[in-house]
Amino acid sequence: MQNFTIFPSPLSWITPPITTIPSYGKNAAALGMTLLFLPPYSPNLNLIERLGKFVKAECLNSHYYAKFPEFCDAISTCLSNTSTAHKSRLDTLLTLKFQIQRFKSVA
């Protein structure tokens, strides 16, 4: 099994209800983790969702794999190339710099 590292420090994506546990933030800080607070449903802000969408577009869209091992190999190859062949595309896709647009509802 291969390990894939995309970010230099561990991240924990949490939604607000977990913050009601007082020791959660202290324990995470002691472990060197960075907590990023997300709205309850936010797949566009979740980096693993972005990576999943990239893998699907890169090696699964419009491809037919006759055997399951071929399917697994395509995904493994795509993930193993994250720091080489796909690096420039993933650097822009997997960034923590994003904007949240707040729109007023028009009634």
C-alpha atoms as a PDB file:
ATOM      1  CA  MET A   1       0.000   0.000   0.000  1.00  0.00           C
ATOM      2  CA  GLN A   2       1.297   3.450  -0.908  1.00  0.00           C
ATOM      3  CA  ASN A   3       1.101   6.621   1.162  1.00  0.00           C
ATOM      4  CA  PHE A   4       0.222   9.840  -0.630  1.00  0.00           C
ATOM      5  CA  THR A   5       1.135  13.171   0.949  1.00  0.00           C
ATOM      6  CA  ILE A   6      -0.374  16.317  -0.472  1.00  0.00           C
ATOM      7  CA  PHE A   7      -0.033  18.739   2.445  1.00  0.00           C
ATOM      8  CA  PRO A   8       2.919  19.143   4.803  1.00  0.00           C
ATOM      9  CA  SER A   9       0.851  19.064   8.021  1.00  0.00           C
ATOM     10  CA  PRO A  10      -2.160  17.000   9.063  1.00  0.00           C
ATOM     11  CA  LEU A  11      -5.504  18.639   8.460  1.00  0.00           C
ATOM     12  CA  SER A  12      -8.795  17.869  10.083  1.00  0.00           C
ATOM     13  CA  TRP A  13     -11.956  18.996   8.361  1.00  0.00           C
ATOM     14  CA  ILE A  14     -14.681  19.465  10.910  1.00  0.00           C
ATOM     15  CA  THR A  15     -18.135  20.947  11.010  1.00  0.00           C
ATOM     16  CA  PRO A  16     -19.293  23.241  13.825  1.00  0.00           C
ATOM     17  CA  PRO A  17     -21.054  20.694  16.128  1.00  0.00           C
ATOM     18  CA  ILE A  18     -17.727  19.051  17.035  1.00  0.00           C
ATOM     19  CA  THR A  19     -16.516  22.360  18.424  1.00  0.00           C
ATOM     20  CA  THR A  20     -18.833  21.925  21.402  1.00  0.00           C
ATOM     21  CA  ILE A  21     -16.276  19.496  22.846  1.00  0.00           C
ATOM     22  CA  PRO A  22     -13.834  21.831  24.663  1.00  0.00           C
ATOM     23  CA  SER A  23     -10.823  19.519  24.586  1.00  0.00           C
ATOM     24  CA  TYR A  24     -11.057  18.848  20.834  1.00  0.00           C
ATOM     25  CA  GLY A  25      -9.174  21.976  19.784  1.00  0.00           C
ATOM     26  CA  LYS A  26      -6.537  21.592  22.504  1.00  0.00           C
ATOM     27  CA  ASN A  27      -5.880  17.955  21.635  1.00  0.00           C
ATOM     28  CA  ALA A  28      -5.633  18.757  17.928  1.00  0.00           C
ATOM     29  CA  ALA A  29      -3.138  21.550  18.629  1.00  0.00           C
ATOM     30  CA  ALA A  30      -1.062  19.243  20.838  1.00  0.00           C
ATOM     31  CA  LEU A  31      -0.909  16.741  17.965  1.00  0.00           C
ATOM     32  CA  GLY A  32       0.184  19.449  15.524  1.00  0.00           C
ATOM     33  CA  MET A  33      -3.072  19.360  13.572  1.00  0.00           C
ATOM     34  CA  THR A  34      -4.675  22.301  11.838  1.00  0.00           C
ATOM     35  CA  LEU A  35      -8.445  22.500  12.188  1.00  0.00           C
ATOM     36  CA  LEU A  36     -10.409  23.930   9.296  1.00  0.00           C
ATOM     37  CA  PHE A  37     -14.049  24.631   9.999  1.00  0.00           C
ATOM     38  CA  LEU A  38     -16.473  23.915   7.180  1.00  0.00           C
ATOM     39  CA  PRO A  39     -20.172  24.550   6.725  1.00  0.00           C
ATOM     40  CA  PRO A  40     -22.302  21.414   7.271  1.00  0.00           C
ATOM     41  CA  TYR A  41     -22.390  20.503   3.566  1.00  0.00           C
ATOM     42  CA  SER A  42     -19.561  21.879   1.482  1.00  0.00           C
ATOM     43  CA  PRO A  43     -18.087  19.404  -1.010  1.00  0.00           C
ATOM     44  CA  ASN A  44     -16.553  22.224  -3.041  1.00  0.00           C
ATOM     45  CA  LEU A  45     -14.510  23.299   0.004  1.00  0.00           C
ATOM     46  CA  ASN A  46     -13.424  19.804   1.013  1.00  0.00           C
ATOM     47  CA  LEU A  47     -10.060  18.987  -0.553  1.00  0.00           C
ATOM     48  CA  ILE A  48     -10.626  15.229  -0.599  1.00  0.00           C
ATOM     49  CA  GLU A  49     -13.815  15.839  -2.598  1.00  0.00           C
ATOM     50  CA  ARG A  50     -11.799  17.915  -5.066  1.00  0.00           C
ATOM     51  CA  LEU A  51      -9.172  15.186  -5.377  1.00  0.00           C
ATOM     52  CA  GLY A  52     -11.886  12.576  -5.890  1.00  0.00           C
ATOM     53  CA  LYS A  53     -13.457  14.657  -8.643  1.00  0.00           C
ATOM     54  CA  PHE A  54     -10.036  15.072 -10.291  1.00  0.00           C
ATOM     55  CA  VAL A  55      -9.327  11.312 -10.205  1.00  0.00           C
ATOM     56  CA  LYS A  56     -12.754  10.574 -11.637  1.00  0.00           C
ATOM     57  CA  ALA A  57     -12.269  13.062 -14.470  1.00  0.00           C
ATOM     58  CA  GLU A  58      -8.688  11.993 -15.155  1.00  0.00           C
ATOM     59  CA  CYS A  59      -8.933   8.215 -15.258  1.00  0.00           C
ATOM     60  CA  LEU A  60     -12.564   7.152 -15.052  1.00  0.00           C
ATOM     61  CA  ASN A  61     -14.585   9.399 -17.382  1.00  0.00           C
ATOM     62  CA  SER A  62     -15.067   7.827 -20.803  1.00  0.00           C
ATOM     63  CA  HIS A  63     -12.911   4.836 -19.906  1.00  0.00           C
ATOM     64  CA  TYR A  64     -14.062   1.240 -19.731  1.00  0.00           C
ATOM     65  CA  TYR A  65     -12.041  -1.243 -17.742  1.00  0.00           C
ATOM     66  CA  ALA A  66     -12.908  -4.840 -18.553  1.00  0.00           C
ATOM     67  CA  LYS A  67     -11.391  -6.168 -15.345  1.00  0.00           C
ATOM     68  CA  PHE A  68     -11.396  -4.800 -11.812  1.00  0.00           C
ATOM     69  CA  PRO A  69      -7.571  -4.943 -11.425  1.00  0.00           C
ATOM     70  CA  GLU A  70      -7.262  -2.631 -14.460  1.00  0.00           C
ATOM     71  CA  PHE A  71      -9.669  -0.206 -12.784  1.00  0.00           C
ATOM     72  CA  CYS A  72      -7.634  -0.288  -9.556  1.00  0.00           C
ATOM     73  CA  ASP A  73      -4.375   0.192 -11.480  1.00  0.00           C
ATOM     74  CA  ALA A  74      -5.757   3.266 -13.260  1.00  0.00           C
ATOM     75  CA  ILE A  75      -6.685   4.883  -9.948  1.00  0.00           C
ATOM     76  CA  SER A  76      -3.364   3.935  -8.328  1.00  0.00           C
ATOM     77  CA  THR A  77      -1.423   5.303 -11.284  1.00  0.00           C
ATOM     78  CA  CYS A  78      -3.355   8.559 -11.197  1.00  0.00           C
ATOM     79  CA  LEU A  79      -2.747   8.971  -7.459  1.00  0.00           C
ATOM     80  CA  SER A  80       0.924   8.030  -7.713  1.00  0.00           C
ATOM     81  CA  ASN A  81       1.393  10.771 -10.318  1.00  0.00           C
ATOM     82  CA  THR A  82      -0.049  13.505  -8.078  1.00  0.00           C
ATOM     83  CA  SER A  83       3.390  14.910  -7.294  1.00  0.00           C
ATOM     84  CA  THR A  84       4.789  14.553 -10.822  1.00  0.00           C
ATOM     85  CA  ALA A  85       2.604  14.534 -13.931  1.00  0.00           C
ATOM     86  CA  HIS A  86      -0.475  16.071 -12.288  1.00  0.00           C
ATOM     87  CA  LYS A  87       1.352  18.432  -9.913  1.00  0.00           C
ATOM     88  CA  SER A  88       0.685  21.713 -11.710  1.00  0.00           C
ATOM     89  CA  ARG A  89      -3.034  21.017 -12.091  1.00  0.00           C
ATOM     90  CA  LEU A  90      -3.405  19.822  -8.517  1.00  0.00           C
ATOM     91  CA  ASP A  91      -1.481  22.790  -7.119  1.00  0.00           C
ATOM     92  CA  THR A  92      -4.252  25.076  -8.334  1.00  0.00           C
ATOM     93  CA  LEU A  93      -7.098  22.687  -7.543  1.00  0.00           C
ATOM     94  CA  LEU A  94      -6.032  21.669  -4.045  1.00  0.00           C
ATOM     95  CA  THR A  95      -5.408  25.071  -2.580  1.00  0.00           C
ATOM     96  CA  LEU A  96      -6.691  26.436   0.697  1.00  0.00           C
ATOM     97  CA  LYS A  97      -7.205  29.815  -0.945  1.00  0.00           C
ATOM     98  CA  PHE A  98     -10.804  30.054  -1.997  1.00  0.00           C
ATOM     99  CA  GLN A  99     -13.678  32.481  -1.770  1.00  0.00           C
ATOM    100  CA  ILE A 100     -17.093  31.855  -0.325  1.00  0.00           C
ATOM    101  CA  GLN A 101     -19.711  33.847  -2.173  1.00  0.00           C
ATOM    102  CA  ARG A 102     -22.640  35.050  -0.141  1.00  0.00           C
ATOM    103  CA  PHE A 103     -25.632  35.828  -2.302  1.00  0.00           C
ATOM    104  CA  LYS A 104     -28.729  37.639  -1.200  1.00  0.00           C
ATOM    105  CA  SER A 105     -31.915  35.836  -2.065  1.00  0.00           C
ATOM    106  CA  VAL A 106     -34.151  37.725  -4.426  1.00  0.00           C
ATOM    107  CA  ALA A 107     -37.787  37.491  -3.449  1.00  0.00           C
END
